[in-house]
Amino acid sequence: MKHHLSSIIVILLFLAAIFSGERSYKNARHIIVSDLNQALSSTLVS
C-alpha cells in the first residue's frame, strides 16, 4: 500500500508542476505579445 501511495503522490506533484509551468508560460506569452503590440503601435504613430 505504501508503494501505491508514494506513486500517487509523485504523479500528483508531477502534474501540478506541469500545469503550473504551462500557466506561467501563457502569462509570459500574453505579456510579451502585449508589449510588442504597444511597441508596434507607437512605431506606426511616429
N, C-alpha and C. Protein backbone atom coordinates (compact mmCIF):
# COMPACT_ATOMS: atom_id res chain seq x y z
N MET A 1 0.82 -1.20 0.00
CA MET A 1 0.00 0.00 0.00
C MET A 1 0.87 1.26 0.00
N LYS A 2 1.96 1.25 0.73
CA LYS A 2 2.84 2.41 0.79
C LYS A 2 3.41 2.74 -0.59
N HIS A 3 3.72 1.69 -1.36
CA HIS A 3 4.27 1.90 -2.70
C HIS A 3 3.25 2.62 -3.59
N HIS A 4 2.00 2.22 -3.50
CA HIS A 4 0.95 2.85 -4.31
C HIS A 4 0.74 4.31 -3.89
N LEU A 5 0.75 4.57 -2.61
CA LEU A 5 0.57 5.93 -2.11
C LEU A 5 1.71 6.83 -2.55
N SER A 6 2.92 6.33 -2.49
CA SER A 6 4.09 7.10 -2.93
C SER A 6 4.00 7.41 -4.42
N SER A 7 3.58 6.42 -5.20
CA SER A 7 3.45 6.63 -6.64
C SER A 7 2.38 7.67 -6.95
N ILE A 8 1.28 7.63 -6.25
CA ILE A 8 0.21 8.59 -6.48
C ILE A 8 0.67 10.00 -6.13
N ILE A 9 1.39 10.14 -5.03
CA ILE A 9 1.89 11.46 -4.61
C ILE A 9 2.87 12.01 -5.64
N VAL A 10 3.76 11.18 -6.14
CA VAL A 10 4.74 11.62 -7.14
C VAL A 10 4.03 12.06 -8.41
N ILE A 11 3.04 11.30 -8.84
CA ILE A 11 2.29 11.65 -10.05
C ILE A 11 1.54 12.96 -9.86
N LEU A 12 0.91 13.15 -8.71
CA LEU A 12 0.20 14.40 -8.45
C LEU A 12 1.14 15.60 -8.44
N LEU A 13 2.30 15.46 -7.85
CA LEU A 13 3.27 16.55 -7.84
C LEU A 13 3.77 16.86 -9.25
N PHE A 14 3.98 15.82 -10.02
CA PHE A 14 4.43 15.99 -11.41
C PHE A 14 3.37 16.73 -12.23
N LEU A 15 2.12 16.34 -12.09
CA LEU A 15 1.03 17.01 -12.82
C LEU A 15 0.87 18.46 -12.38
N ALA A 16 1.01 18.71 -11.10
CA ALA A 16 0.92 20.08 -10.59
C ALA A 16 2.03 20.95 -11.18
N ALA A 17 3.23 20.41 -11.28
CA ALA A 17 4.35 21.16 -11.86
C ALA A 17 4.10 21.46 -13.33
N ILE A 18 3.55 20.51 -14.06
CA ILE A 18 3.27 20.72 -15.48
C ILE A 18 2.24 21.83 -15.66
N PHE A 19 1.14 21.76 -14.92
CA PHE A 19 0.09 22.77 -15.06
C PHE A 19 0.58 24.15 -14.63
N SER A 20 1.37 24.20 -13.59
CA SER A 20 1.91 25.47 -13.12
C SER A 20 2.84 26.08 -14.16
N GLY A 21 3.68 25.27 -14.75
CA GLY A 21 4.60 25.74 -15.79
C GLY A 21 3.86 26.24 -17.01
N GLU A 22 2.81 25.54 -17.39
CA GLU A 22 2.03 25.95 -18.56
C GLU A 22 1.34 27.28 -18.31
N ARG A 23 0.81 27.47 -17.12
CA ARG A 23 0.15 28.74 -16.78
C ARG A 23 1.16 29.89 -16.80
N SER A 24 2.35 29.66 -16.27
CA SER A 24 3.38 30.70 -16.28
C SER A 24 3.79 31.05 -17.70
N TYR A 25 3.89 30.02 -18.56
CA TYR A 25 4.24 30.25 -19.97
C TYR A 25 3.18 31.10 -20.66
N LYS A 26 1.90 30.80 -20.41
CA LYS A 26 0.82 31.56 -21.05
C LYS A 26 0.80 33.00 -20.56
N ASN A 27 1.05 33.21 -19.27
CA ASN A 27 1.10 34.58 -18.73
C ASN A 27 2.25 35.37 -19.35
N ALA A 28 3.42 34.75 -19.44
CA ALA A 28 4.58 35.43 -20.03
C ALA A 28 4.33 35.72 -21.50
N ARG A 29 3.73 34.79 -22.21
CA ARG A 29 3.44 34.98 -23.63
C ARG A 29 2.48 36.16 -23.81
N HIS A 30 1.46 36.25 -22.97
CA HIS A 30 0.50 37.34 -23.06
C HIS A 30 1.18 38.69 -22.82
N ILE A 31 2.06 38.75 -21.84
CA ILE A 31 2.77 40.00 -21.53
C ILE A 31 3.67 40.40 -22.70
N ILE A 32 4.38 39.44 -23.29
CA ILE A 32 5.28 39.74 -24.41
C ILE A 32 4.50 40.23 -25.62
N VAL A 33 3.40 39.56 -25.94
CA VAL A 33 2.58 39.98 -27.08
C VAL A 33 2.02 41.37 -26.86
N SER A 34 1.58 41.65 -25.65
CA SER A 34 1.06 42.97 -25.34
C SER A 34 2.13 44.05 -25.50
N ASP A 35 3.34 43.78 -25.01
CA ASP A 35 4.44 44.74 -25.14
C ASP A 35 4.81 44.96 -26.61
N LEU A 36 4.85 43.89 -27.39
CA LEU A 36 5.19 44.03 -28.80
C LEU A 36 4.11 44.81 -29.56
N ASN A 37 2.86 44.57 -29.24
CA ASN A 37 1.78 45.33 -29.88
C ASN A 37 1.86 46.81 -29.53
N GLN A 38 2.19 47.11 -28.28
CA GLN A 38 2.32 48.51 -27.87
C GLN A 38 3.50 49.15 -28.58
N ALA A 39 4.62 48.44 -28.70
CA ALA A 39 5.79 48.98 -29.40
C ALA A 39 5.47 49.21 -30.88
N LEU A 40 4.77 48.29 -31.49
CA LEU A 40 4.39 48.44 -32.90
C LEU A 40 3.47 49.62 -33.09
N SER A 41 2.51 49.79 -32.20
CA SER A 41 1.58 50.91 -32.29
C SER A 41 2.31 52.23 -32.17
N SER A 42 3.22 52.32 -31.22
CA SER A 42 3.95 53.59 -31.04
C SER A 42 4.89 53.85 -32.21
N THR A 43 5.41 52.81 -32.84
CA THR A 43 6.28 52.97 -34.01
C THR A 43 5.48 53.47 -35.20
N LEU A 44 4.28 52.92 -35.38
CA LEU A 44 3.47 53.32 -36.52
C LEU A 44 2.92 54.74 -36.37
N VAL A 45 2.69 55.19 -35.14
CA VAL A 45 2.19 56.53 -34.89
C VAL A 45 3.28 57.58 -35.15
N SER A 46 4.52 57.24 -34.85
CA SER A 46 5.63 58.20 -35.01
C SER A 46 5.89 58.53 -36.46
